[in-house]
Amino acid sequence: MSTARSSAHAELTDPPRTSPDDFDVRELEKRTRLMRIITRLIAISDLGSREIARRAGLPVQKISDLLAGRLEHLHADELNVLRRTLEPEAPLY
């Protein structure tokens, strides 16, 4: 059996993904939009990554992940906390 045939068969028989790491497309779009907004806010902010993380109550590594584009390491609620930290009048998504 060829590799293409076996992987096609596996796709048909694999159960649907339900782990928390799997992304709904709309959720991923929402998080991507928030990431872009937050990245811009960080760029114009006078605060450093450590201070932003401290004010948001998040580890500095989360800020580093965001700036490196590793969106899968951040949840929407963490992104909303960051946005509110940088822009107090920000609406929730």
PDB file of N, CA and C in Angstrom:
ATOM      1  N   MET A   1       0.855  -1.173   0.000  1.00  0.00           N
ATOM      2  CA  MET A   1       0.000   0.000   0.000  1.00  0.00           C
ATOM      3  C   MET A   1       0.900   1.235   0.000  1.00  0.00           C
ATOM      4  N   SER A   2       0.568   2.201  -0.817  1.00  0.00           N
ATOM      5  CA  SER A   2       1.394   3.405  -0.901  1.00  0.00           C
ATOM      6  C   SER A   2       1.173   4.289   0.322  1.00  0.00           C
ATOM      7  N   THR A   3       2.122   5.191   0.535  1.00  0.00           N
ATOM      8  CA  THR A   3       2.020   6.117   1.662  1.00  0.00           C
ATOM      9  C   THR A   3       0.797   7.011   1.524  1.00  0.00           C
ATOM     10  N   ALA A   4       0.550   7.498   0.300  1.00  0.00           N
ATOM     11  CA  ALA A   4      -0.604   8.375   0.076  1.00  0.00           C
ATOM     12  C   ALA A   4      -1.898   7.647   0.386  1.00  0.00           C
ATOM     13  N   ARG A   5      -1.973   6.386  -0.025  1.00  0.00           N
ATOM     14  CA  ARG A   5      -3.187   5.623   0.205  1.00  0.00           C
ATOM     15  C   ARG A   5      -3.387   5.357   1.702  1.00  0.00           C
ATOM     16  N   SER A   6      -2.310   5.008   2.413  1.00  0.00           N
ATOM     17  CA  SER A   6      -2.456   4.720   3.838  1.00  0.00           C
ATOM     18  C   SER A   6      -2.794   5.978   4.641  1.00  0.00           C
ATOM     19  N   SER A   7      -2.236   7.129   4.264  1.00  0.00           N
ATOM     20  CA  SER A   7      -2.569   8.351   4.996  1.00  0.00           C
ATOM     21  C   SER A   7      -3.984   8.805   4.686  1.00  0.00           C
ATOM     22  N   ALA A   8      -4.445   8.592   3.464  1.00  0.00           N
ATOM     23  CA  ALA A   8      -5.825   8.946   3.129  1.00  0.00           C
ATOM     24  C   ALA A   8      -6.784   8.079   3.925  1.00  0.00           C
ATOM     25  N   HIS A   9      -6.442   6.795   4.055  1.00  0.00           N
ATOM     26  CA  HIS A   9      -7.274   5.888   4.848  1.00  0.00           C
ATOM     27  C   HIS A   9      -7.269   6.300   6.320  1.00  0.00           C
ATOM     28  N   ALA A  10      -6.126   6.689   6.832  1.00  0.00           N
ATOM     29  CA  ALA A  10      -6.026   7.106   8.227  1.00  0.00           C
ATOM     30  C   ALA A  10      -6.877   8.335   8.497  1.00  0.00           C
ATOM     31  N   GLU A  11      -6.915   9.263   7.534  1.00  0.00           N
ATOM     32  CA  GLU A  11      -7.723  10.469   7.718  1.00  0.00           C
ATOM     33  C   GLU A  11      -9.201  10.135   7.817  1.00  0.00           C
ATOM     34  N   LEU A  12      -9.635   9.119   7.087  1.00  0.00           N
ATOM     35  CA  LEU A  12     -11.046   8.751   7.107  1.00  0.00           C
ATOM     36  C   LEU A  12     -11.425   8.014   8.388  1.00  0.00           C
ATOM     37  N   THR A  13     -10.479   7.299   8.979  1.00  0.00           N
ATOM     38  CA  THR A  13     -10.807   6.507  10.159  1.00  0.00           C
ATOM     39  C   THR A  13     -10.433   7.175  11.472  1.00  0.00           C
ATOM     40  N   ASP A  14      -9.620   8.220  11.438  1.00  0.00           N
ATOM     41  CA  ASP A  14      -9.238   8.896  12.673  1.00  0.00           C
ATOM     42  C   ASP A  14     -10.437   9.595  13.288  1.00  0.00           C
ATOM     43  N   PRO A  15     -10.562   9.545  14.610  1.00  0.00           N
ATOM     44  CA  PRO A  15     -11.670  10.259  15.256  1.00  0.00           C
ATOM     45  C   PRO A  15     -11.455  11.767  15.147  1.00  0.00           C
ATOM     46  N   PRO A  16     -12.532  12.538  15.244  1.00  0.00           N
ATOM     47  CA  PRO A  16     -12.373  13.998  15.179  1.00  0.00           C
ATOM     48  C   PRO A  16     -11.511  14.495  16.314  1.00  0.00           C
ATOM     49  N   ARG A  17     -10.810  15.555  16.059  1.00  0.00           N
ATOM     50  CA  ARG A  17      -9.929  16.134  17.082  1.00  0.00           C
ATOM     51  C   ARG A  17     -10.760  16.849  18.135  1.00  0.00           C
ATOM     52  N   THR A  18     -10.401  16.606  19.375  1.00  0.00           N
ATOM     53  CA  THR A  18     -11.139  17.261  20.465  1.00  0.00           C
ATOM     54  C   THR A  18     -10.215  17.789  21.547  1.00  0.00           C
ATOM     55  N   SER A  19      -8.915  17.714  21.329  1.00  0.00           N
ATOM     56  CA  SER A  19      -8.001  18.191  22.368  1.00  0.00           C
ATOM     57  C   SER A  19      -8.029  19.704  22.434  1.00  0.00           C
ATOM     58  N   PRO A  20      -7.675  20.291  23.596  1.00  0.00           N
ATOM     59  CA  PRO A  20      -7.711  21.752  23.742  1.00  0.00           C
ATOM     60  C   PRO A  20      -6.711  22.464  22.839  1.00  0.00           C
ATOM     61  N   ASP A  21      -5.727  21.725  22.313  1.00  0.00           N
ATOM     62  CA  ASP A  21      -4.736  22.359  21.445  1.00  0.00           C
ATOM     63  C   ASP A  21      -5.222  22.520  20.012  1.00  0.00           C
ATOM     64  N   ASP A  22      -6.324  21.868  19.648  1.00  0.00           N
ATOM     65  CA  ASP A  22      -6.857  21.986  18.303  1.00  0.00           C
ATOM     66  C   ASP A  22      -7.629  23.293  18.174  1.00  0.00           C
ATOM     67  N   PHE A  23      -7.438  23.947  17.042  1.00  0.00           N
ATOM     68  CA  PHE A  23      -8.011  25.273  16.866  1.00  0.00           C
ATOM     69  C   PHE A  23      -9.227  25.258  15.963  1.00  0.00           C
ATOM     70  N   ASP A  24     -10.241  25.949  16.381  1.00  0.00           N
ATOM     71  CA  ASP A  24     -11.362  26.274  15.529  1.00  0.00           C
ATOM     72  C   ASP A  24     -10.870  27.436  14.670  1.00  0.00           C
ATOM     73  N   VAL A  25     -11.221  27.446  13.393  1.00  0.00           N
ATOM     74  CA  VAL A  25     -10.718  28.479  12.486  1.00  0.00           C
ATOM     75  C   VAL A  25     -11.114  29.874  12.965  1.00  0.00           C
ATOM     76  N   ARG A  26     -12.352  30.036  13.403  1.00  0.00           N
ATOM     77  CA  ARG A  26     -12.791  31.353  13.879  1.00  0.00           C
ATOM     78  C   ARG A  26     -12.026  31.789  15.110  1.00  0.00           C
ATOM     79  N   GLU A  27     -11.754  30.847  15.998  1.00  0.00           N
ATOM     80  CA  GLU A  27     -10.985  31.147  17.204  1.00  0.00           C
ATOM     81  C   GLU A  27      -9.565  31.558  16.832  1.00  0.00           C
ATOM     82  N   LEU A  28      -8.972  30.866  15.881  1.00  0.00           N
ATOM     83  CA  LEU A  28      -7.621  31.199  15.440  1.00  0.00           C
ATOM     84  C   LEU A  28      -7.585  32.581  14.793  1.00  0.00           C
ATOM     85  N   GLU A  29      -8.599  32.908  13.993  1.00  0.00           N
ATOM     86  CA  GLU A  29      -8.671  34.249  13.379  1.00  0.00           C
ATOM     87  C   GLU A  29      -8.789  35.325  14.452  1.00  0.00           C
ATOM     88  N   LYS A  30      -9.608  35.066  15.467  1.00  0.00           N
ATOM     89  CA  LYS A  30      -9.787  36.029  16.553  1.00  0.00           C
ATOM     90  C   LYS A  30      -8.467  36.244  17.290  1.00  0.00           C
ATOM     91  N   ARG A  31      -7.787  35.159  17.576  1.00  0.00           N
ATOM     92  CA  ARG A  31      -6.511  35.261  18.285  1.00  0.00           C
ATOM     93  C   ARG A  31      -5.450  35.949  17.430  1.00  0.00           C
ATOM     94  N   THR A  32      -5.458  35.687  16.130  1.00  0.00           N
ATOM     95  CA  THR A  32      -4.505  36.342  15.225  1.00  0.00           C
ATOM     96  C   THR A  32      -4.752  37.843  15.186  1.00  0.00           C
ATOM     97  N   ARG A  33      -6.012  38.230  15.116  1.00  0.00           N
ATOM     98  CA  ARG A  33      -6.367  39.661  15.115  1.00  0.00           C
ATOM     99  C   ARG A  33      -5.912  40.326  16.409  1.00  0.00           C
ATOM    100  N   LEU A  34      -6.177  39.674  17.543  1.00  0.00           N
ATOM    101  CA  LEU A  34      -5.735  40.217  18.826  1.00  0.00           C
ATOM    102  C   LEU A  34      -4.220  40.297  18.904  1.00  0.00           C
ATOM    103  N   MET A  35      -3.536  39.288  18.379  1.00  0.00           N
ATOM    104  CA  MET A  35      -2.074  39.292  18.399  1.00  0.00           C
ATOM    105  C   MET A  35      -1.535  40.490  17.624  1.00  0.00           C
ATOM    106  N   ARG A  36      -2.105  40.785  16.478  1.00  0.00           N
ATOM    107  CA  ARG A  36      -1.646  41.937  15.685  1.00  0.00           C
ATOM    108  C   ARG A  36      -1.871  43.243  16.434  1.00  0.00           C
ATOM    109  N   ILE A  37      -3.028  43.386  17.040  1.00  0.00           N
ATOM    110  CA  ILE A  37      -3.339  44.603  17.802  1.00  0.00           C
ATOM    111  C   ILE A  37      -2.350  44.752  18.965  1.00  0.00           C
ATOM    112  N   ILE A  38      -2.154  43.673  19.697  1.00  0.00           N
ATOM    113  CA  ILE A  38      -1.273  43.727  20.868  1.00  0.00           C
ATOM    114  C   ILE A  38       0.165  43.992  20.459  1.00  0.00           C
ATOM    115  N   THR A  39       0.606  43.374  19.380  1.00  0.00           N
ATOM    116  CA  THR A  39       1.982  43.602  18.909  1.00  0.00           C
ATOM    117  C   THR A  39       2.193  45.071  18.570  1.00  0.00           C
ATOM    118  N   ARG A  40       1.200  45.695  17.931  1.00  0.00           N
ATOM    119  CA  ARG A  40       1.294  47.146  17.636  1.00  0.00           C
ATOM    120  C   ARG A  40       1.316  47.965  18.919  1.00  0.00           C
ATOM    121  N   LEU A  41       0.471  47.605  19.868  1.00  0.00           N
ATOM    122  CA  LEU A  41       0.437  48.329  21.138  1.00  0.00           C
ATOM    123  C   LEU A  41       1.766  48.205  21.885  1.00  0.00           C
ATOM    124  N   ILE A  42       2.365  47.030  21.844  1.00  0.00           N
ATOM    125  CA  ILE A  42       3.667  46.838  22.489  1.00  0.00           C
ATOM    126  C   ILE A  42       4.717  47.705  21.803  1.00  0.00           C
ATOM    127  N   ALA A  43       4.661  47.766  20.478  1.00  0.00           N
ATOM    128  CA  ALA A  43       5.648  48.544  19.714  1.00  0.00           C
ATOM    129  C   ALA A  43       5.598  50.026  20.061  1.00  0.00           C
ATOM    130  N   ILE A  44       4.412  50.562  20.332  1.00  0.00           N
ATOM    131  CA  ILE A  44       4.308  51.998  20.630  1.00  0.00           C
ATOM    132  C   ILE A  44       4.348  52.289  22.132  1.00  0.00           C
ATOM    133  N   SER A  45       4.367  51.229  22.926  1.00  0.00           N
ATOM    134  CA  SER A  45       4.388  51.391  24.373  1.00  0.00           C
ATOM    135  C   SER A  45       5.783  51.753  24.863  1.00  0.00           C
ATOM    136  N   ASP A  46       5.822  52.471  25.966  1.00  0.00           N
ATOM    137  CA  ASP A  46       7.099  52.775  26.619  1.00  0.00           C
ATOM    138  C   ASP A  46       7.503  51.661  27.581  1.00  0.00           C
ATOM    139  N   LEU A  47       6.660  50.645  27.716  1.00  0.00           N
ATOM    140  CA  LEU A  47       6.915  49.568  28.665  1.00  0.00           C
ATOM    141  C   LEU A  47       7.742  48.451  28.031  1.00  0.00           C
ATOM    142  N   GLY A  48       8.575  47.839  28.836  1.00  0.00           N
ATOM    143  CA  GLY A  48       9.324  46.675  28.387  1.00  0.00           C
ATOM    144  C   GLY A  48       8.503  45.411  28.560  1.00  0.00           C
ATOM    145  N   SER A  49       8.989  44.322  28.016  1.00  0.00           N
ATOM    146  CA  SER A  49       8.274  43.044  28.089  1.00  0.00           C
ATOM    147  C   SER A  49       8.046  42.595  29.525  1.00  0.00           C
ATOM    148  N   ARG A  50       9.038  42.788  30.360  1.00  0.00           N
ATOM    149  CA  ARG A  50       8.898  42.365  31.766  1.00  0.00           C
ATOM    150  C   ARG A  50       7.808  43.148  32.480  1.00  0.00           C
ATOM    151  N   GLU A  51       7.761  44.443  32.242  1.00  0.00           N
ATOM    152  CA  GLU A  51       6.750  45.279  32.893  1.00  0.00           C
ATOM    153  C   GLU A  51       5.353  44.947  32.363  1.00  0.00           C
ATOM    154  N   ILE A  52       5.240  44.728  31.074  1.00  0.00           N
ATOM    155  CA  ILE A  52       3.945  44.353  30.490  1.00  0.00           C
ATOM    156  C   ILE A  52       3.479  43.030  31.096  1.00  0.00           C
ATOM    157  N   ALA A  53       4.373  42.058  31.164  1.00  0.00           N
ATOM    158  CA  ALA A  53       4.032  40.754  31.737  1.00  0.00           C
ATOM    159  C   ALA A  53       3.621  40.900  33.200  1.00  0.00           C
ATOM    160  N   ARG A  54       4.356  41.700  33.956  1.00  0.00           N
ATOM    161  CA  ARG A  54       4.036  41.903  35.371  1.00  0.00           C
ATOM    162  C   ARG A  54       2.650  42.512  35.531  1.00  0.00           C
ATOM    163  N   ARG A  55       2.371  43.555  34.758  1.00  0.00           N
ATOM    164  CA  ARG A  55       1.063  44.223  34.862  1.00  0.00           C
ATOM    165  C   ARG A  55      -0.080  43.318  34.434  1.00  0.00           C
ATOM    166  N   ALA A  56       0.181  42.450  33.463  1.00  0.00           N
ATOM    167  CA  ALA A  56      -0.859  41.544  32.976  1.00  0.00           C
ATOM    168  C   ALA A  56      -0.974  40.288  33.832  1.00  0.00           C
ATOM    169  N   GLY A  57       0.017  40.071  34.702  1.00  0.00           N
ATOM    170  CA  GLY A  57       0.003  38.874  35.531  1.00  0.00           C
ATOM    171  C   GLY A  57       0.344  37.613  34.758  1.00  0.00           C
ATOM    172  N   LEU A  58       1.155  37.765  33.729  1.00  0.00           N
ATOM    173  CA  LEU A  58       1.557  36.635  32.887  1.00  0.00           C
ATOM    174  C   LEU A  58       3.067  36.452  32.937  1.00  0.00           C
ATOM    175  N   PRO A  59       3.539  35.253  32.638  1.00  0.00           N
ATOM    176  CA  PRO A  59       4.987  35.052  32.562  1.00  0.00           C
ATOM    177  C   PRO A  59       5.586  35.824  31.388  1.00  0.00           C
ATOM    178  N   VAL A  60       6.813  36.267  31.534  1.00  0.00           N
ATOM    179  CA  VAL A  60       7.497  36.999  30.466  1.00  0.00           C
ATOM    180  C   VAL A  60       7.579  36.140  29.210  1.00  0.00           C
ATOM    181  N   GLN A  61       7.669  34.816  29.382  1.00  0.00           N
ATOM    182  CA  GLN A  61       7.753  33.915  28.232  1.00  0.00           C
ATOM    183  C   GLN A  61       6.534  34.054  27.320  1.00  0.00           C
ATOM    184  N   LYS A  62       5.373  34.339  27.885  1.00  0.00           N
ATOM    185  CA  LYS A  62       4.160  34.528  27.066  1.00  0.00           C
ATOM    186  C   LYS A  62       4.312  35.745  26.155  1.00  0.00           C
ATOM    187  N   ILE A  63       4.926  36.806  26.654  1.00  0.00           N
ATOM    188  CA  ILE A  63       5.158  37.998  25.839  1.00  0.00           C
ATOM    189  C   ILE A  63       6.152  37.658  24.736  1.00  0.00           C
ATOM    190  N   SER A  64       7.189  36.925  25.086  1.00  0.00           N
ATOM    191  CA  SER A  64       8.184  36.504  24.093  1.00  0.00           C
ATOM    192  C   SER A  64       7.535  35.637  23.015  1.00  0.00           C
ATOM    193  N   ASP A  65       6.669  34.712  23.429  1.00  0.00           N
ATOM    194  CA  ASP A  65       5.968  33.862  22.469  1.00  0.00           C
ATOM    195  C   ASP A  65       5.115  34.696  21.525  1.00  0.00           C
ATOM    196  N   LEU A  66       4.408  35.659  22.074  1.00  0.00           N
ATOM    197  CA  LEU A  66       3.568  36.538  21.262  1.00  0.00           C
ATOM    198  C   LEU A  66       4.400  37.296  20.235  1.00  0.00           C
ATOM    199  N   LEU A  67       5.485  37.887  20.682  1.00  0.00           N
ATOM    200  CA  LEU A  67       6.324  38.675  19.782  1.00  0.00           C
ATOM    201  C   LEU A  67       7.023  37.811  18.736  1.00  0.00           C
ATOM    202  N   ALA A  68       7.212  36.533  19.050  1.00  0.00           N
ATOM    203  CA  ALA A  68       7.832  35.601  18.098  1.00  0.00           C
ATOM    204  C   ALA A  68       6.789  34.958  17.180  1.00  0.00           C
ATOM    205  N   GLY A  69       5.520  35.301  17.388  1.00  0.00           N
ATOM    206  CA  GLY A  69       4.464  34.767  16.531  1.00  0.00           C
ATOM    207  C   GLY A  69       3.988  33.382  16.912  1.00  0.00           C
ATOM    208  N   ARG A  70       4.332  32.925  18.102  1.00  0.00           N
ATOM    209  CA  ARG A  70       3.911  31.599  18.551  1.00  0.00           C
ATOM    210  C   ARG A  70       2.542  31.707  19.227  1.00  0.00           C
ATOM    211  N   LEU A  71       1.555  31.910  18.409  1.00  0.00           N
ATOM    212  CA  LEU A  71       0.192  32.151  18.865  1.00  0.00           C
ATOM    213  C   LEU A  71      -0.397  30.945  19.594  1.00  0.00           C
ATOM    214  N   GLU A  72       0.067  29.752  19.256  1.00  0.00           N
ATOM    215  CA  GLU A  72      -0.487  28.548  19.877  1.00  0.00           C
ATOM    216  C   GLU A  72      -0.188  28.471  21.370  1.00  0.00           C
ATOM    217  N   HIS A  73       0.736  29.306  21.858  1.00  0.00           N
ATOM    218  CA  HIS A  73       1.091  29.308  23.276  1.00  0.00           C
ATOM    219  C   HIS A  73       0.205  30.242  24.099  1.00  0.00           C
ATOM    220  N   LEU A  74      -0.673  30.987  23.439  1.00  0.00           N
ATOM    221  CA  LEU A  74      -1.520  31.953  24.149  1.00  0.00           C
ATOM    222  C   LEU A  74      -2.996  31.672  23.899  1.00  0.00           C
ATOM    223  N   HIS A  75      -3.778  31.808  24.948  1.00  0.00           N
ATOM    224  CA  HIS A  75      -5.225  31.648  24.847  1.00  0.00           C
ATOM    225  C   HIS A  75      -5.867  33.019  24.657  1.00  0.00           C
ATOM    226  N   ALA A  76      -7.080  33.036  24.145  1.00  0.00           N
ATOM    227  CA  ALA A  76      -7.786  34.289  23.884  1.00  0.00           C
ATOM    228  C   ALA A  76      -7.928  35.131  25.147  1.00  0.00           C
ATOM    229  N   ASP A  77      -8.178  34.500  26.286  1.00  0.00           N
ATOM    230  CA  ASP A  77      -8.320  35.278  27.526  1.00  0.00           C
ATOM    231  C   ASP A  77      -7.004  35.938  27.921  1.00  0.00           C
ATOM    232  N   GLU A  78      -5.879  35.280  27.673  1.00  0.00           N
ATOM    233  CA  GLU A  78      -4.584  35.897  27.959  1.00  0.00           C
ATOM    234  C   GLU A  78      -4.324  37.074  27.018  1.00  0.00           C
ATOM    235  N   LEU A  79      -4.726  36.919  25.774  1.00  0.00           N
ATOM    236  CA  LEU A  79      -4.565  38.022  24.815  1.00  0.00           C
ATOM    237  C   LEU A  79      -5.440  39.206  25.211  1.00  0.00           C
ATOM    238  N   ASN A  80      -6.639  38.933  25.683  1.00  0.00           N
ATOM    239  CA  ASN A  80      -7.514  40.027  26.136  1.00  0.00           C
ATOM    240  C   ASN A  80      -6.938  40.735  27.349  1.00  0.00           C
ATOM    241  N   VAL A  81      -6.332  39.991  28.270  1.00  0.00           N
ATOM    242  CA  VAL A  81      -5.688  40.600  29.436  1.00  0.00           C
ATOM    243  C   VAL A  81      -4.547  41.514  28.979  1.00  0.00           C
ATOM    244  N   LEU A  82      -3.754  41.033  28.054  1.00  0.00           N
ATOM    245  CA  LEU A  82      -2.657  41.856  27.526  1.00  0.00           C
ATOM    246  C   LEU A  82      -3.180  43.118  26.857  1.00  0.00           C
ATOM    247  N   ARG A  83      -4.239  42.967  26.075  1.00  0.00           N
ATOM    248  CA  ARG A  83      -4.791  44.145  25.398  1.00  0.00           C
ATOM    249  C   ARG A  83      -5.311  45.163  26.414  1.00  0.00           C
ATOM    250  N   ARG A  84      -6.023  44.698  27.432  1.00  0.00           N
ATOM    251  CA  ARG A  84      -6.531  45.616  28.455  1.00  0.00           C
ATOM    252  C   ARG A  84      -5.396  46.257  29.238  1.00  0.00           C
ATOM    253  N   THR A  85      -4.299  45.537  29.402  1.00  0.00           N
ATOM    254  CA  THR A  85      -3.136  46.095  30.103  1.00  0.00           C
ATOM    255  C   THR A  85      -2.525  47.234  29.307  1.00  0.00           C
ATOM    256  N   LEU A  86      -2.464  47.065  27.997  1.00  0.00           N
ATOM    257  CA  LEU A  86      -1.824  48.065  27.124  1.00  0.00           C
ATOM    258  C   LEU A  86      -2.793  49.157  26.673  1.00  0.00           C
ATOM    259  N   GLU A  87      -4.070  48.831  26.621  1.00  0.00           N
ATOM    260  CA  GLU A  87      -5.091  49.766  26.142  1.00  0.00           C
ATOM    261  C   GLU A  87      -6.322  49.597  27.038  1.00  0.00           C
ATOM    262  N   PRO A  88      -6.369  50.318  28.149  1.00  0.00           N
ATOM    263  CA  PRO A  88      -7.451  50.130  29.138  1.00  0.00           C
ATOM    264  C   PRO A  88      -8.873  50.255  28.595  1.00  0.00           C
ATOM    265  N   GLU A  89      -9.070  50.972  27.513  1.00  0.00           N
ATOM    266  CA  GLU A  89     -10.425  51.128  26.966  1.00  0.00           C
ATOM    267  C   GLU A  89     -10.734  50.103  25.885  1.00  0.00           C
ATOM    268  N   ALA A  90      -9.943  49.063  25.771  1.00  0.00           N
ATOM    269  CA  ALA A  90     -10.112  48.075  24.701  1.00  0.00           C
ATOM    270  C   ALA A  90     -11.358  47.243  24.899  1.00  0.00           C
ATOM    271  N   PRO A  91     -12.093  46.967  23.791  1.00  0.00           N
ATOM    272  CA  PRO A  91     -13.247  46.088  23.889  1.00  0.00           C
ATOM    273  C   PRO A  91     -12.795  44.622  23.975  1.00  0.00           C
ATOM    274  N   LEU A  92     -13.645  43.763  24.530  1.00  0.00           N
ATOM    275  CA  LEU A  92     -13.331  42.338  24.604  1.00  0.00           C
ATOM    276  C   LEU A  92     -13.782  41.664  23.325  1.00  0.00           C
ATOM    277  N   TYR A  93     -13.001  40.701  22.857  1.00  0.00           N
ATOM    278  CA  TYR A  93     -13.383  39.898  21.679  1.00  0.00           C
ATOM    279  C   TYR A  93     -13.869  38.561  22.128  1.00  0.00           C
TER     280      TYR A  93
END
